Amino acid sequence: MAIPLSASDVLNREFLVVRAGLIDLAAALDRIGRAEGSVSDDHRWKTIRQALEVLSGEAASRAEELQLLFSLPYQDNWQQE
């Protein structure tokens, strides 16, 4: 049976990947901010802002919350559409 990693071990293993993802995200947000026009009324922008709020929280289910945030609601008749 494998011994679970400590939080410090997980951080050591994941730090560079997380850092790279955050830098990519910051760059994308910078490009949006520098572009002409506004996206403040765009539902995708609002969803991104909500996702950033989820990420800044302490919940252990952030990945699940983001998946639900970016998913379409279930529809019983999805096969017909």
N, C-alpha and C. Protein backbone atom coordinates (compact mmCIF):
# COMPACT_ATOMS: atom_id res chain seq x y z
N MET A 1 0.85 -1.18 0.00
CA MET A 1 0.00 0.00 0.00
C MET A 1 0.90 1.25 0.00
N ALA A 2 0.57 2.19 -0.87
CA ALA A 2 1.37 3.41 -0.98
C ALA A 2 1.13 4.33 0.21
N ILE A 3 2.18 4.98 0.63
CA ILE A 3 2.07 5.95 1.71
C ILE A 3 1.63 7.29 1.10
N PRO A 4 0.56 7.88 1.63
CA PRO A 4 0.09 9.16 1.07
C PRO A 4 1.18 10.24 1.20
N LEU A 5 1.25 11.09 0.20
CA LEU A 5 2.20 12.20 0.23
C LEU A 5 1.73 13.28 1.18
N SER A 6 2.67 13.97 1.76
CA SER A 6 2.32 15.13 2.60
C SER A 6 1.99 16.31 1.68
N ALA A 7 1.35 17.31 2.24
CA ALA A 7 1.03 18.52 1.47
C ALA A 7 2.30 19.14 0.90
N SER A 8 3.36 19.13 1.68
CA SER A 8 4.63 19.68 1.23
C SER A 8 5.18 18.87 0.05
N ASP A 9 5.06 17.56 0.10
CA ASP A 9 5.52 16.71 -1.00
C ASP A 9 4.72 16.99 -2.28
N VAL A 10 3.41 17.13 -2.13
CA VAL A 10 2.56 17.42 -3.28
C VAL A 10 2.92 18.78 -3.87
N LEU A 11 3.13 19.77 -3.00
CA LEU A 11 3.53 21.10 -3.48
C LEU A 11 4.86 21.03 -4.22
N ASN A 12 5.82 20.30 -3.68
CA ASN A 12 7.11 20.13 -4.35
C ASN A 12 6.93 19.53 -5.74
N ARG A 13 6.05 18.54 -5.84
CA ARG A 13 5.83 17.85 -7.11
C ARG A 13 5.07 18.71 -8.11
N GLU A 14 4.11 19.50 -7.65
CA GLU A 14 3.20 20.23 -8.54
C GLU A 14 3.57 21.68 -8.78
N PHE A 15 4.49 22.23 -8.03
CA PHE A 15 4.74 23.67 -8.04
C PHE A 15 5.01 24.23 -9.44
N LEU A 16 5.93 23.63 -10.18
CA LEU A 16 6.29 24.18 -11.48
C LEU A 16 5.13 24.13 -12.48
N VAL A 17 4.35 23.06 -12.43
CA VAL A 17 3.19 22.95 -13.32
C VAL A 17 2.15 24.01 -12.96
N VAL A 18 1.90 24.19 -11.68
CA VAL A 18 0.93 25.19 -11.22
C VAL A 18 1.41 26.59 -11.58
N ARG A 19 2.69 26.85 -11.34
CA ARG A 19 3.27 28.15 -11.67
C ARG A 19 3.11 28.46 -13.16
N ALA A 20 3.42 27.49 -14.01
CA ALA A 20 3.30 27.68 -15.45
C ALA A 20 1.85 27.96 -15.85
N GLY A 21 0.92 27.23 -15.26
CA GLY A 21 -0.50 27.46 -15.57
C GLY A 21 -0.96 28.84 -15.15
N LEU A 22 -0.51 29.29 -13.99
CA LEU A 22 -0.89 30.62 -13.51
C LEU A 22 -0.30 31.72 -14.38
N ILE A 23 0.93 31.53 -14.84
CA ILE A 23 1.54 32.51 -15.73
C ILE A 23 0.79 32.55 -17.06
N ASP A 24 0.41 31.39 -17.59
CA ASP A 24 -0.38 31.35 -18.83
C ASP A 24 -1.71 32.07 -18.64
N LEU A 25 -2.36 31.81 -17.51
CA LEU A 25 -3.64 32.46 -17.21
C LEU A 25 -3.47 33.97 -17.11
N ALA A 26 -2.45 34.41 -16.39
CA ALA A 26 -2.21 35.85 -16.25
C ALA A 26 -1.94 36.50 -17.60
N ALA A 27 -1.20 35.82 -18.46
CA ALA A 27 -0.92 36.36 -19.78
C ALA A 27 -2.19 36.50 -20.61
N ALA A 28 -3.06 35.50 -20.55
CA ALA A 28 -4.33 35.57 -21.28
C ALA A 28 -5.19 36.72 -20.75
N LEU A 29 -5.26 36.87 -19.44
CA LEU A 29 -6.04 37.96 -18.86
C LEU A 29 -5.45 39.32 -19.23
N ASP A 30 -4.11 39.40 -19.29
CA ASP A 30 -3.46 40.64 -19.72
C ASP A 30 -3.82 40.97 -21.16
N ARG A 31 -3.82 39.96 -22.03
CA ARG A 31 -4.17 40.21 -23.44
C ARG A 31 -5.60 40.69 -23.57
N ILE A 32 -6.50 40.09 -22.81
CA ILE A 32 -7.90 40.54 -22.84
C ILE A 32 -8.00 41.97 -22.34
N GLY A 33 -7.29 42.28 -21.27
CA GLY A 33 -7.32 43.62 -20.69
C GLY A 33 -6.75 44.69 -21.60
N ARG A 34 -5.75 44.35 -22.40
CA ARG A 34 -5.12 45.32 -23.29
C ARG A 34 -5.87 45.47 -24.62
N ALA A 35 -6.72 44.52 -24.95
CA ALA A 35 -7.42 44.56 -26.23
C ALA A 35 -8.48 45.67 -26.23
N GLU A 36 -8.82 46.11 -27.43
CA GLU A 36 -9.86 47.13 -27.54
C GLU A 36 -11.22 46.53 -27.23
N GLY A 37 -12.11 47.36 -26.71
CA GLY A 37 -13.45 46.92 -26.40
C GLY A 37 -13.55 46.38 -24.98
N SER A 38 -14.72 45.84 -24.69
CA SER A 38 -15.01 45.34 -23.35
C SER A 38 -15.68 43.98 -23.44
N VAL A 39 -15.37 43.14 -22.49
CA VAL A 39 -16.02 41.84 -22.40
C VAL A 39 -16.84 41.72 -21.11
N SER A 40 -17.07 42.84 -20.45
CA SER A 40 -17.73 42.81 -19.14
C SER A 40 -19.13 42.22 -19.20
N ASP A 41 -19.79 42.27 -20.35
CA ASP A 41 -21.13 41.71 -20.47
C ASP A 41 -21.13 40.29 -21.04
N ASP A 42 -19.97 39.77 -21.38
CA ASP A 42 -19.87 38.44 -21.97
C ASP A 42 -19.99 37.38 -20.88
N HIS A 43 -20.88 36.41 -21.09
CA HIS A 43 -21.09 35.38 -20.06
C HIS A 43 -19.83 34.56 -19.80
N ARG A 44 -18.98 34.40 -20.82
CA ARG A 44 -17.74 33.65 -20.61
C ARG A 44 -16.81 34.39 -19.67
N TRP A 45 -16.76 35.72 -19.78
CA TRP A 45 -15.92 36.52 -18.89
C TRP A 45 -16.43 36.42 -17.46
N LYS A 46 -17.75 36.47 -17.32
CA LYS A 46 -18.34 36.34 -15.99
C LYS A 46 -18.03 34.98 -15.38
N THR A 47 -18.03 33.94 -16.21
CA THR A 47 -17.71 32.59 -15.72
C THR A 47 -16.24 32.51 -15.30
N ILE A 48 -15.37 33.13 -16.07
CA ILE A 48 -13.96 33.16 -15.70
C ILE A 48 -13.77 33.86 -14.37
N ARG A 49 -14.46 34.97 -14.17
CA ARG A 49 -14.36 35.70 -12.89
C ARG A 49 -14.85 34.83 -11.73
N GLN A 50 -15.95 34.10 -11.95
CA GLN A 50 -16.45 33.19 -10.92
C GLN A 50 -15.43 32.09 -10.63
N ALA A 51 -14.79 31.59 -11.67
CA ALA A 51 -13.79 30.54 -11.49
C ALA A 51 -12.62 31.04 -10.66
N LEU A 52 -12.21 32.28 -10.89
CA LEU A 52 -11.12 32.85 -10.10
C LEU A 52 -11.50 32.95 -8.63
N GLU A 53 -12.77 33.26 -8.37
CA GLU A 53 -13.25 33.30 -6.98
C GLU A 53 -13.19 31.92 -6.35
N VAL A 54 -13.59 30.90 -7.11
CA VAL A 54 -13.53 29.52 -6.60
C VAL A 54 -12.09 29.16 -6.28
N LEU A 55 -11.17 29.49 -7.20
CA LEU A 55 -9.77 29.15 -6.99
C LEU A 55 -9.16 29.85 -5.79
N SER A 56 -9.65 31.04 -5.48
CA SER A 56 -9.09 31.77 -4.35
C SER A 56 -9.62 31.27 -3.01
N GLY A 57 -10.60 30.38 -3.04
CA GLY A 57 -11.16 29.85 -1.81
C GLY A 57 -10.34 28.70 -1.26
N GLU A 58 -10.80 28.15 -0.17
CA GLU A 58 -10.08 27.07 0.52
C GLU A 58 -10.79 25.72 0.40
N ALA A 59 -11.86 25.64 -0.38
CA ALA A 59 -12.61 24.39 -0.47
C ALA A 59 -11.74 23.28 -1.05
N ALA A 60 -11.97 22.07 -0.58
CA ALA A 60 -11.22 20.92 -1.07
C ALA A 60 -11.77 20.42 -2.40
N SER A 61 -12.87 21.00 -2.85
CA SER A 61 -13.55 20.53 -4.06
C SER A 61 -13.48 21.57 -5.19
N ARG A 62 -12.40 22.33 -5.25
CA ARG A 62 -12.29 23.38 -6.27
C ARG A 62 -12.38 22.83 -7.69
N ALA A 63 -11.74 21.71 -7.96
CA ALA A 63 -11.78 21.13 -9.30
C ALA A 63 -13.22 20.76 -9.68
N GLU A 64 -13.94 20.17 -8.76
CA GLU A 64 -15.34 19.81 -9.02
C GLU A 64 -16.18 21.07 -9.25
N GLU A 65 -15.97 22.08 -8.43
CA GLU A 65 -16.73 23.32 -8.58
C GLU A 65 -16.47 23.97 -9.94
N LEU A 66 -15.22 23.96 -10.38
CA LEU A 66 -14.91 24.53 -11.70
C LEU A 66 -15.52 23.70 -12.81
N GLN A 67 -15.46 22.39 -12.69
CA GLN A 67 -16.06 21.53 -13.71
C GLN A 67 -17.55 21.83 -13.84
N LEU A 68 -18.23 21.96 -12.73
CA LEU A 68 -19.66 22.27 -12.76
C LEU A 68 -19.91 23.67 -13.31
N LEU A 69 -19.06 24.60 -12.97
CA LEU A 69 -19.20 25.98 -13.43
C LEU A 69 -19.11 26.06 -14.96
N PHE A 70 -18.21 25.28 -15.54
CA PHE A 70 -18.00 25.33 -16.99
C PHE A 70 -18.83 24.29 -17.75
N SER A 71 -19.69 23.55 -17.06
CA SER A 71 -20.50 22.53 -17.70
C SER A 71 -21.90 23.05 -17.98
N LEU A 72 -22.51 22.46 -18.99
CA LEU A 72 -23.91 22.77 -19.28
C LEU A 72 -24.79 21.99 -18.30
N PRO A 73 -25.94 22.54 -17.94
CA PRO A 73 -26.85 21.79 -17.07
C PRO A 73 -27.36 20.54 -17.79
N TYR A 74 -27.60 19.50 -17.02
CA TYR A 74 -28.10 18.25 -17.59
C TYR A 74 -29.50 18.45 -18.15
N GLN A 75 -29.72 17.87 -19.32
CA GLN A 75 -31.05 17.89 -19.94
C GLN A 75 -31.46 16.47 -20.27
N ASP A 76 -32.68 16.11 -19.88
CA ASP A 76 -33.16 14.76 -20.10
C ASP A 76 -33.17 14.39 -21.58
N ASN A 77 -33.45 15.35 -22.43
CA ASN A 77 -33.58 15.07 -23.86
C ASN A 77 -32.29 15.36 -24.64
N TRP A 78 -31.14 15.20 -24.03
CA TRP A 78 -29.88 15.55 -24.66
C TRP A 78 -29.61 14.73 -25.91
N GLN A 79 -30.13 13.50 -25.97
CA GLN A 79 -29.89 12.65 -27.14
C GLN A 79 -30.63 13.15 -28.38
N GLN A 80 -31.74 13.82 -28.19
CA GLN A 80 -32.52 14.32 -29.32
C GLN A 80 -31.94 15.62 -29.88
N GLU A 81 -31.11 16.29 -29.10
CA GLU A 81 -30.61 17.60 -29.53
C GLU A 81 -29.27 17.54 -30.15
